[in-house]
Protein backbone atom coordinates (compact mmCIF):
# COMPACT_ATOMS: atom_id res chain seq x y z
CA MET A 1 39.49 141.21 32.49
CA ALA A 2 41.59 144.12 33.67
CA ILE A 3 41.79 145.45 37.21
CA GLN A 4 43.82 148.57 37.77
CA ASN A 5 46.73 148.16 40.13
CA SER A 6 46.71 149.87 43.47
CA GLY A 7 49.74 151.74 44.77
CA ILE A 8 50.61 148.75 46.95
CA PHE A 9 51.35 146.69 43.84
CA SER A 10 54.34 147.75 41.74
CA ALA A 11 55.72 145.65 38.91
CA GLY A 12 58.86 143.88 40.12
CA VAL A 13 59.13 146.05 43.22
CA ASP A 14 57.77 145.64 46.72
CA GLY A 15 58.64 148.63 48.87
CA GLY A 16 56.57 147.42 51.79
CA ILE A 17 55.97 149.53 54.87
CA THR A 18 57.97 152.78 54.63
CA GLY A 19 60.33 151.20 52.12
CA THR A 20 61.53 148.37 54.37
CA GLY A 21 60.13 145.59 52.18
CA LYS A 22 58.07 144.31 55.12
CA ARG A 23 54.29 143.89 54.95
CA THR A 24 51.76 144.42 57.69
CA TYR A 25 48.82 142.10 58.27
CA TYR A 26 46.89 144.04 60.93
CA ALA A 27 46.45 147.63 62.08
CA GLN A 28 45.37 149.03 65.41
CA LEU A 29 43.46 152.25 64.76
CA SER A 30 43.03 155.38 66.86
CA TRP A 31 41.38 158.77 66.55
CA ASN A 32 41.84 160.35 69.96
CA SER A 33 40.91 164.02 70.02
CA SER A 34 42.01 164.32 73.65
CA SER A 35 45.60 163.69 72.63
CA THR A 36 45.42 165.03 69.07
CA PHE A 37 46.65 161.63 67.92
CA TYR A 38 45.24 159.96 64.84
CA GLY A 39 46.83 156.96 63.28
CA ALA A 40 47.69 153.27 63.19
CA ALA A 41 50.05 150.81 64.84
CA TRP A 42 51.00 148.08 62.37
CA TYR A 43 51.35 144.37 63.16
CA GLY A 44 52.74 141.31 61.41
CA PRO A 45 51.14 137.95 60.56
CA ASN A 46 51.12 136.67 64.15
CA VAL A 47 49.99 140.04 65.52
CA ASN A 48 53.64 140.65 66.31
CA SER A 49 55.94 143.61 65.81
CA VAL A 50 56.26 144.28 62.10
CA MET A 51 59.75 145.72 62.55
CA ASN A 52 62.44 145.09 65.12
CA TYR A 53 62.08 148.35 67.03
CA GLY A 54 61.51 148.46 70.75
CA TYR A 55 59.97 151.94 70.53
CA GLU A 56 58.55 154.16 67.86
CA SER A 57 60.72 156.64 66.01
CA THR A 58 60.65 160.23 67.18
CA TYR A 59 57.44 161.97 66.22
CA ASN A 60 57.82 163.73 62.87
CA SER A 61 61.00 161.81 62.04
CA TYR A 62 61.27 160.24 58.62
CA GLY A 63 62.91 156.90 59.38
CA PRO A 64 61.22 153.49 59.06
CA GLU A 65 58.29 153.36 61.42
CA HIS A 66 55.70 150.91 62.67
CA ILE A 67 53.37 153.61 64.01
CA THR A 68 51.73 156.00 61.57
CA TYR A 69 50.82 159.43 62.89
CA CYS A 70 47.98 161.15 61.05
CA GLY A 71 47.79 164.40 62.98
CA GLY A 72 45.58 167.27 61.93
CA SER A 73 47.26 170.31 60.45
CA THR A 74 46.87 172.84 57.68
CA HIS A 75 48.11 170.14 55.31
CA GLN A 76 46.01 167.13 56.36
CA SER A 77 42.76 166.30 58.06
CA PRO A 78 41.91 163.32 60.29
CA THR A 79 38.59 163.04 58.47
CA GLY A 80 40.71 162.14 55.45
CA TYR A 81 41.78 158.98 57.27
CA PHE A 82 38.88 157.65 59.31
CA TYR A 83 35.17 158.02 58.68
CA GLY A 84 33.09 159.48 61.50
CA THR A 85 36.04 160.47 63.65
CA THR A 86 34.79 163.83 64.87
CA SER A 87 31.56 162.29 66.16
CA TYR A 88 32.95 158.92 67.28
CA PRO A 89 36.49 159.33 68.65
CA THR A 90 38.31 156.38 70.20
CA GLN A 91 38.60 157.95 73.64
CA SER A 92 34.97 156.82 73.80
CA SER A 93 33.61 153.32 73.23
CA PRO A 94 30.41 152.05 71.57
CA SER A 95 27.56 152.06 74.04
CA SER A 96 23.81 151.85 74.35
CA SER A 97 23.50 155.60 73.91
CA SER A 98 25.06 155.93 70.47
CA GLY A 99 25.02 153.81 67.36
CA GLY A 100 27.34 155.55 64.94
CA PRO A 101 30.09 154.16 62.69
CA TRP A 102 32.65 153.53 65.41
CA LEU A 103 36.23 152.51 64.56
CA ASN A 104 36.22 150.23 67.59
CA SER A 105 32.93 148.37 67.23
CA THR A 106 31.99 144.76 66.55
CA SER A 107 29.80 145.53 63.56
CA THR A 108 32.45 147.57 61.77
CA MET A 109 34.29 144.38 60.77
CA GLY A 110 33.75 142.24 57.67
CA GLU A 111 35.22 140.84 54.47
CA PHE A 112 36.71 144.24 53.57
CA GLY A 113 38.18 144.90 57.02
CA ASN A 114 37.28 147.88 59.21
CA ALA A 115 34.40 149.84 57.64
CA ALA A 116 35.77 153.21 58.76
CA VAL A 117 39.11 153.03 56.93
CA ASP A 118 41.11 151.33 54.19
CA ALA A 119 44.40 150.18 55.75
CA TYR A 120 46.81 148.34 53.44
CA SER A 121 49.78 146.03 54.00
CA ASP A 122 52.35 148.60 52.92
CA GLY A 123 51.28 150.94 55.73
CA THR A 124 49.17 153.27 53.61
CA ILE A 125 45.77 154.50 54.72
CA ASN A 126 43.02 155.60 52.35
CA SER A 127 39.91 157.44 53.43
CA VAL A 128 36.47 155.95 52.88
CA TYR A 129 34.76 159.24 53.72
CA GLY A 130 32.70 160.50 50.80
CA ARG A 131 33.65 157.54 48.61
CA GLY A 132 30.83 156.28 46.42
CA PRO A 133 27.12 156.94 46.72
CA SER A 134 27.16 156.61 50.52
CA SER A 135 29.65 157.57 53.19
CA TYR A 136 28.83 154.16 54.66
CA THR A 137 30.37 152.51 51.58
CA LYS A 138 32.36 149.87 53.46
CA HIS A 139 29.47 148.98 55.75
CA TYR A 140 27.47 148.26 52.59
CA LEU A 141 30.38 146.24 51.19
CA ASN A 142 30.78 144.19 54.38
CA SER A 143 27.07 143.47 54.69
CA SER A 144 26.71 142.53 50.99
CA ALA A 145 29.78 140.30 50.56
CA ILE A 146 29.04 136.62 50.03
CA ASN A 147 31.36 133.85 51.23
CA SER A 148 33.34 132.38 48.35
CA ASP A 149 36.52 130.37 47.80
CA HIS A 150 37.21 131.40 44.18
CA LEU A 151 40.90 131.85 43.37
CA ASN A 152 41.11 135.50 42.28
CA LYS A 153 41.07 137.11 45.71
CA ARG A 154 41.31 140.59 44.22
CA ILE A 155 37.59 140.18 43.42
CA VAL A 156 34.82 139.96 46.02
CA TYR A 157 31.32 138.93 44.96
CA LEU A 158 28.34 140.75 46.43
CA LEU A 159 24.66 139.92 46.55
CA ARG A 160 22.67 143.12 46.74
CA GLU A 161 19.53 144.63 45.20
CA GLY A 162 18.77 141.48 43.24
CA VAL A 163 22.14 141.03 41.53
CA ILE A 164 25.46 139.21 41.86
CA ARG A 165 28.21 141.80 41.39
CA ALA A 166 32.02 141.57 41.23
CA VAL A 167 33.83 144.41 43.05
CA ASP A 168 37.48 145.26 43.59
CA ARG A 169 38.64 144.22 47.05
CA LEU A 170 41.26 146.97 47.30
CA ASN A 171 39.28 150.08 46.43
CA GLY A 172 35.89 148.94 45.15
CA ASP A 173 32.45 150.37 45.70
CA TYR A 174 29.26 148.44 46.28
CA ALA A 175 27.43 150.35 43.55
CA TYR A 176 29.93 149.75 40.74
CA PRO A 177 31.20 146.44 39.31
CA VAL A 178 34.83 145.72 38.51
CA GLU A 179 36.00 147.06 35.16
CA ASN A 180 34.91 144.86 32.22
CA THR A 181 32.41 142.89 34.32
CA ALA A 182 28.64 143.12 34.49
CA ASP A 183 26.03 142.22 37.09
CA PHE A 184 23.98 139.07 36.92
CA SER A 185 20.33 139.73 37.81
CA VAL A 186 19.00 136.73 39.73
CA PRO A 187 15.51 135.80 38.47
CA SER A 188 12.78 135.64 41.13
CA LEU A 189 15.16 136.83 43.88
CA ASN A 190 13.78 139.00 46.65
CA GLY A 191 15.61 142.27 45.98
CA SER A 192 16.16 142.95 49.68
CA MET A 193 18.50 139.98 50.20
CA THR A 194 21.94 141.12 51.39
CA GLY A 195 24.99 138.83 51.22
CA SER A 196 22.77 135.73 51.42
CA ALA A 197 24.72 133.50 49.03
CA SER A 198 27.64 131.06 49.06
CA TYR A 199 29.99 129.93 46.27
CA HIS A 200 31.92 126.64 46.44
CA ARG A 201 34.57 126.40 43.73
CA VAL A 202 35.23 122.63 43.78
CA ARG A 203 31.52 121.83 43.71
CA LYS A 204 31.05 124.73 41.24
CA GLU A 205 27.88 125.64 43.09
CA LEU A 206 26.36 129.02 43.86
CA THR A 207 23.70 128.76 46.57
CA ILE A 208 21.32 131.69 47.05
CA ILE A 209 18.59 132.06 49.67
CA SER A 210 15.56 134.26 49.05
CA TYR A 211 12.92 135.28 51.59
CA VAL A 212 9.31 134.51 50.68
CA THR A 213 6.44 135.64 52.88
CA SER A 214 6.37 134.11 56.35
CA SER A 215 8.60 133.33 59.32
CA GLY A 216 11.40 131.00 58.26
CA SER A 217 10.01 130.51 54.75
CA TYR A 218 12.51 130.86 51.88
CA ASN A 219 13.43 129.67 48.43
CA CYS A 220 16.80 128.05 47.79
CA PHE A 221 18.30 128.60 44.33
CA THR A 222 21.16 126.23 43.43
CA TYR A 223 23.26 127.13 40.39
CA SER A 224 25.49 124.23 39.26
CA ASN A 225 28.54 124.21 36.94
CA VAL A 226 29.40 127.81 37.85
CA ASP A 227 33.11 128.55 37.33
CA PHE A 228 34.14 131.93 38.72
CA ASP A 229 37.80 130.99 38.19
CA ALA A 230 37.43 130.57 34.44
CA TYR A 231 34.77 133.30 34.12
CA PRO A 232 35.19 135.94 36.85
CA ASN A 233 32.54 138.13 35.20
CA PRO A 234 29.33 136.99 36.97
CA ASN A 235 27.13 137.89 34.02
CA VAL A 236 29.19 135.56 31.84
CA ALA A 237 29.71 132.80 34.44
CA LEU A 238 26.02 132.48 35.28
CA ASN A 239 24.79 132.68 31.70
CA ARG A 240 27.03 129.89 30.40
CA PRO A 241 25.15 127.08 28.60
CA GLU A 242 26.40 124.42 31.02
CA VAL A 243 24.98 126.24 34.04
CA THR A 244 21.75 124.83 35.48
CA ARG A 245 19.49 126.11 38.23
CA VAL A 246 17.30 124.13 40.60
CA ASP A 247 14.75 125.82 42.88
CA ALA A 248 13.35 124.37 46.07
CA THR A 249 11.38 125.72 49.00
CA LEU A 250 13.30 126.01 52.27
CA SER A 251 11.80 126.05 55.76
CA LEU A 252 13.84 127.33 58.69
CA ALA A 253 10.75 127.60 60.88
CA SER A 254 12.06 125.43 63.73
CA SER A 255 12.94 127.66 66.70
CA TRP A 256 12.41 130.73 64.55
CA GLY A 257 12.90 133.98 66.46
CA THR A 258 12.44 137.68 65.77
CA ASN A 259 10.75 138.75 62.53
CA ASN A 260 12.38 141.80 60.96
CA SER A 261 14.60 142.84 58.07
CA GLU A 262 17.68 141.36 59.74
CA SER A 263 16.32 137.81 60.00
CA TYR A 264 14.46 138.02 56.68
CA TYR A 265 17.14 139.46 54.42
CA ASN A 266 20.58 139.30 56.07
CA LEU A 267 21.00 135.59 56.82
CA LYS A 268 24.26 133.91 55.70
CA PRO A 269 24.40 130.45 54.03
CA ILE A 270 27.73 128.53 53.92
CA THR A 271 28.13 125.55 51.58
CA THR A 272 30.47 122.85 52.92
CA ASP A 273 32.55 120.34 50.96
CA ASN A 274 29.95 117.56 51.25
CA GLY A 275 27.15 119.79 49.95
CA ASN A 276 25.49 120.56 53.28
CA VAL A 277 24.55 124.19 53.82
CA TYR A 278 24.77 125.95 57.17
CA VAL A 279 22.65 129.07 57.62
CA SER A 280 23.49 131.70 60.24
CA VAL A 281 20.56 133.94 61.27
CA PHE A 282 20.70 136.89 63.67
CA PHE A 283 17.50 137.29 65.65
CA THR A 284 17.93 140.77 67.13
CA SER A 285 17.76 141.03 70.92
CA ASP A 286 17.51 137.24 71.03
CA ARG A 287 20.32 135.12 69.56
CA LEU A 288 22.59 134.25 66.67
CA ALA A 289 21.12 130.98 65.40
CA LEU A 290 22.58 128.21 63.26
CA TYR A 291 20.66 125.90 60.92
CA ARG A 292 21.81 123.19 58.51
CA PHE A 293 20.15 121.55 55.52
CA THR A 294 20.79 119.15 52.64
CA ARG A 295 19.34 119.45 49.15
CA SER A 296 17.47 116.92 47.06
CA GLY A 297 16.51 118.36 43.69
CA THR A 298 13.29 120.36 43.73
CA SER A 299 11.96 118.62 46.86
CA ALA A 300 10.98 120.82 49.76
CA ILE A 301 13.87 121.39 52.19
CA THR A 302 13.56 121.55 55.97
CA GLY A 303 16.49 123.09 57.79
CA THR A 304 17.55 121.55 61.10
CA TYR A 305 18.01 123.96 63.99
CA ILE A 306 21.50 123.35 65.42
CA THR A 307 22.05 125.88 68.21
CA GLY A 308 21.75 129.50 69.26
CA LEU A 309 24.10 131.96 70.98
CA GLY A 310 22.05 134.29 73.16
CA THR A 311 22.21 138.08 72.90
CA THR A 312 20.61 140.86 74.91
CA THR A 313 19.14 144.05 73.41
CA SER A 314 20.87 144.28 70.04
CA TYR A 315 20.21 145.81 66.64
CA GLY A 316 20.48 144.60 63.07
CA LYS A 317 19.78 145.59 59.49
CA ASP A 318 16.24 146.50 60.57
CA GLN A 319 17.72 149.61 62.23
CA ASP A 320 20.44 150.61 59.74
CA GLU A 321 22.98 149.19 57.31
CA ILE A 322 25.80 149.70 59.82
CA TYR A 323 24.30 147.12 62.22
CA GLY A 324 23.68 143.42 62.01
CA GLN A 325 25.36 140.16 61.07
CA ARG A 326 28.62 140.07 59.10
CA GLN A 327 30.72 137.28 57.59
CA ILE A 328 34.36 136.78 56.56
CA THR A 329 35.90 134.02 54.42
CA SER A 330 39.34 132.74 55.43
CA ARG A 331 42.35 133.21 53.17
CA ASP A 332 42.23 129.61 51.88
CA GLY A 333 38.42 129.57 51.64
CA THR A 334 38.06 126.53 53.91
CA SER A 335 36.36 128.34 56.78
CA VAL A 336 33.84 131.13 57.28
CA ALA A 337 33.11 133.22 60.37
CA THR A 338 29.67 134.75 60.89
CA PHE A 339 29.13 137.11 63.80
CA CYS A 340 26.96 139.81 65.37
CA PRO A 341 27.10 142.08 68.43
CA TYR A 342 25.96 140.77 71.80
CA TYR A 343 24.67 144.08 73.14
CA TYR A 344 22.90 147.09 71.66
CA TYR A 345 24.76 148.66 68.78
CA HIS A 346 28.30 147.33 68.65
CA SER A 347 29.45 145.63 71.88
CA GLY A 348 30.44 142.05 72.66
CA ILE A 349 30.22 139.30 70.05
CA LYS A 350 28.50 136.05 69.10
CA CYS A 351 30.31 134.06 66.42
CA PHE A 352 30.07 130.81 64.47
CA MET A 353 33.23 129.51 62.80
CA ILE A 354 32.23 127.07 60.06
CA ASP A 355 34.74 124.39 59.00
CA LYS A 356 33.73 123.73 55.39
CA THR A 357 36.22 120.88 54.98
CA ASN A 358 34.80 118.77 57.80
CA ASN A 359 31.19 120.02 57.80
CA THR A 360 31.33 121.16 61.41
CA TYR A 361 31.45 124.38 63.43
CA SER A 362 32.78 126.01 66.59
CA THR A 363 31.55 129.03 68.56
CA TYR A 364 32.97 132.04 70.35
CA SER A 365 31.06 134.38 72.67
CA GLN A 366 31.98 137.48 74.64
CA ASN A 367 29.09 138.96 76.62
CA GLY A 368 30.54 142.45 76.97
CA SER A 369 28.27 145.48 77.14
CA SER A 370 30.86 148.26 76.86
CA TYR A 371 33.48 147.42 74.24
CA GLY A 372 33.58 146.15 70.68
CA VAL A 373 35.03 142.70 69.96
CA MET A 374 36.52 142.48 66.48
CA CYS A 375 36.66 139.22 64.51
CA MET A 376 39.53 138.83 62.02
CA PRO A 377 41.08 136.08 59.89
CA TYR A 378 44.30 134.54 61.19
CA GLY A 379 46.75 132.52 59.13
CA ASP A 380 45.13 130.63 56.27
CA SER A 381 42.01 129.25 57.91
CA SER A 382 41.83 130.38 61.54
CA TRP A 383 40.41 133.29 63.57
CA ILE A 384 41.37 135.83 66.22
CA PHE A 385 39.27 138.21 68.32
CA TYR A 386 40.35 141.63 69.56
CA TYR A 387 38.92 143.17 72.74
CA GLY A 388 38.54 146.93 72.29
CA GLY A 389 39.09 147.95 75.91
CA ASN A 390 41.03 150.93 77.24
CA GLY A 391 44.37 150.24 75.58
CA TYR A 392 47.56 152.26 75.66
CA ALA A 393 51.19 151.37 76.12
CA SER A 394 51.23 151.26 79.94
CA ASN A 395 47.86 149.55 80.36
CA TYR A 396 48.34 145.88 79.57
CA GLY A 397 44.87 145.09 80.88
CA GLY A 398 43.30 147.17 78.14
CA ALA A 399 42.97 146.35 74.45
CA TYR A 400 44.32 142.92 73.56
CA ILE A 401 43.75 139.75 71.53
CA ILE A 402 41.16 138.07 73.71
CA ALA A 403 40.89 134.77 71.84
CA GLN A 404 42.51 132.74 69.08
CA TYR A 405 40.90 129.74 67.36
CA VAL A 406 42.97 127.51 65.08
CA LYS A 407 41.45 125.13 62.56
CA GLN A 408 42.12 121.47 63.37
CA GLY A 409 42.84 118.42 61.25
CA GLY A 410 41.12 115.09 61.78
CA SER A 411 37.49 115.62 62.70
CA GLY A 412 37.90 119.36 62.20
CA GLY A 413 36.52 122.34 64.02
CA PHE A 414 38.50 125.10 65.70
CA ALA A 415 40.48 124.79 68.93
CA SER A 416 40.96 127.66 71.35
CA GLN A 417 44.61 128.49 72.04
CA ASN A 418 43.71 129.17 75.67
CA GLY A 419 43.85 132.70 76.91
CA CYS A 420 44.74 136.11 75.56
CA TYR A 421 47.90 137.91 74.65
CA TYR A 422 48.81 141.55 74.92
CA LEU A 423 49.97 143.85 72.16
CA PRO A 424 53.59 145.09 72.33
CA TYR A 425 52.74 148.67 71.40
CA PHE A 426 49.67 150.85 71.01
CA THR A 427 48.29 153.80 69.13
CA GLY A 428 47.69 157.00 71.04
CA PRO A 429 49.51 158.31 74.14
CA ASN A 430 46.42 159.39 76.09
CA THR A 431 45.37 157.40 79.17
CA THR A 432 41.83 156.99 77.82
CA ASN A 433 41.73 155.35 74.42
CA TYR A 434 39.70 152.47 72.99
CA PRO A 435 41.46 151.84 69.68
CA GLY A 436 39.95 149.65 67.00
CA PHE A 437 41.66 146.90 65.06
CA THR A 438 41.49 145.38 61.59
CA GLN A 439 43.07 142.99 59.15
CA VAL A 440 44.54 144.92 56.21
CA VAL A 441 42.27 145.16 53.17
CA ASP A 442 44.66 143.01 51.11
CA TYR A 443 45.11 140.37 53.85
CA VAL A 444 44.01 137.46 51.66
CA LEU A 445 46.48 138.51 48.95
CA LEU A 446 49.46 138.09 51.29
CA PRO A 447 51.34 134.80 51.70
CA SER A 448 50.56 133.09 54.99
CA HIS A 449 52.96 133.88 57.82
CA VAL A 450 55.73 135.17 55.56
CA LEU A 451 56.64 138.56 56.96
CA GLY A 452 57.97 140.82 54.24
CA ALA A 453 57.04 138.54 51.35
CA LYS A 454 55.75 140.06 48.15
CA ASN A 455 52.08 140.26 47.37
CA THR A 456 50.65 137.83 44.87
């Protein structure tokens, strides 16, 4: 199978950010029309300075730089960098009065990073505006991505419109499979299911959940002997003679909440190492709920209600594809974060962090009603959360990393690192700016905590 190289991958050469050989892991993003500043501030693996400069180079200089200016001119357009910028600038924040594709919102995050931009580890930015059949391409990608720990991280598997599809992580589109691969149409699957599957490479299991007809009533399809490492083409992998499928009914009726397209079609299963399956369900304007079940052949399955993280008025897939629950798999595949907004369109966050190794979970909540809270992978198996407040270089009480959760050994779970830490520099000089944040699109392809190392 061939996948075309992106510009960030060059045979035998790794130029890194502006030719320094260094790689970025995160980007703070700003489109501030009040200051005519559009661009990104780049950060290293510990959300630290990616280069040893105490201040940015002079604007319009051509030396190595850790802040990228994307100003509008006769030669470039800010719309060519960030989707939705003219309608949703970062001098404003997501609120109850507007539900657009904000750079700085909770729901913009997912497996492919920030849905409004493609930001890569070499400091390049590619526009997502007008790419593919919908200008919301990356929202569709983030909502459709399944959690999976297969080894070829250049590929992400989607579940959408009744098929399992392989797409290119770096510049893929939800409507088109990776070159030389083909979709696998899942028999009897409800075609509205979105991202509701989990692949476990050691167990060689693909678990798919399909809505039936009533509150909390599903089917669970378990495909065994599936090897995405040996056969990355899903149509080949799932049609191999050794692959078997077992169907069982699944009830999640206990403590069931709101009935709509979000809770029916956008729930997220996570298969752990011992074969248990967690299921994260967002009940809009109610809570993010967590269930767990075990399988026993074709016998009926009853999921156990574990807990719920309460939300206030909040929207999901029932309103639009840009809302609702999202999930991200860690770099090493041993943990998965599922999350949704706390308030209205894109503010605050409710999150479950699932430790697949130890079959346990931890939670993070931020009950904000004004600013997005962005969930991102950290290190190999841990998580950080960015608070999208009013951040600029002289306002250390503004945007910052509000929480960090590190995966533990022993009995497992994730431990808070107690408190927040402030960013050493910011995008945008204006005194009102609510910049967004993201992991780079190729985050999982970078070595853990090796600043400047080559991509794999």
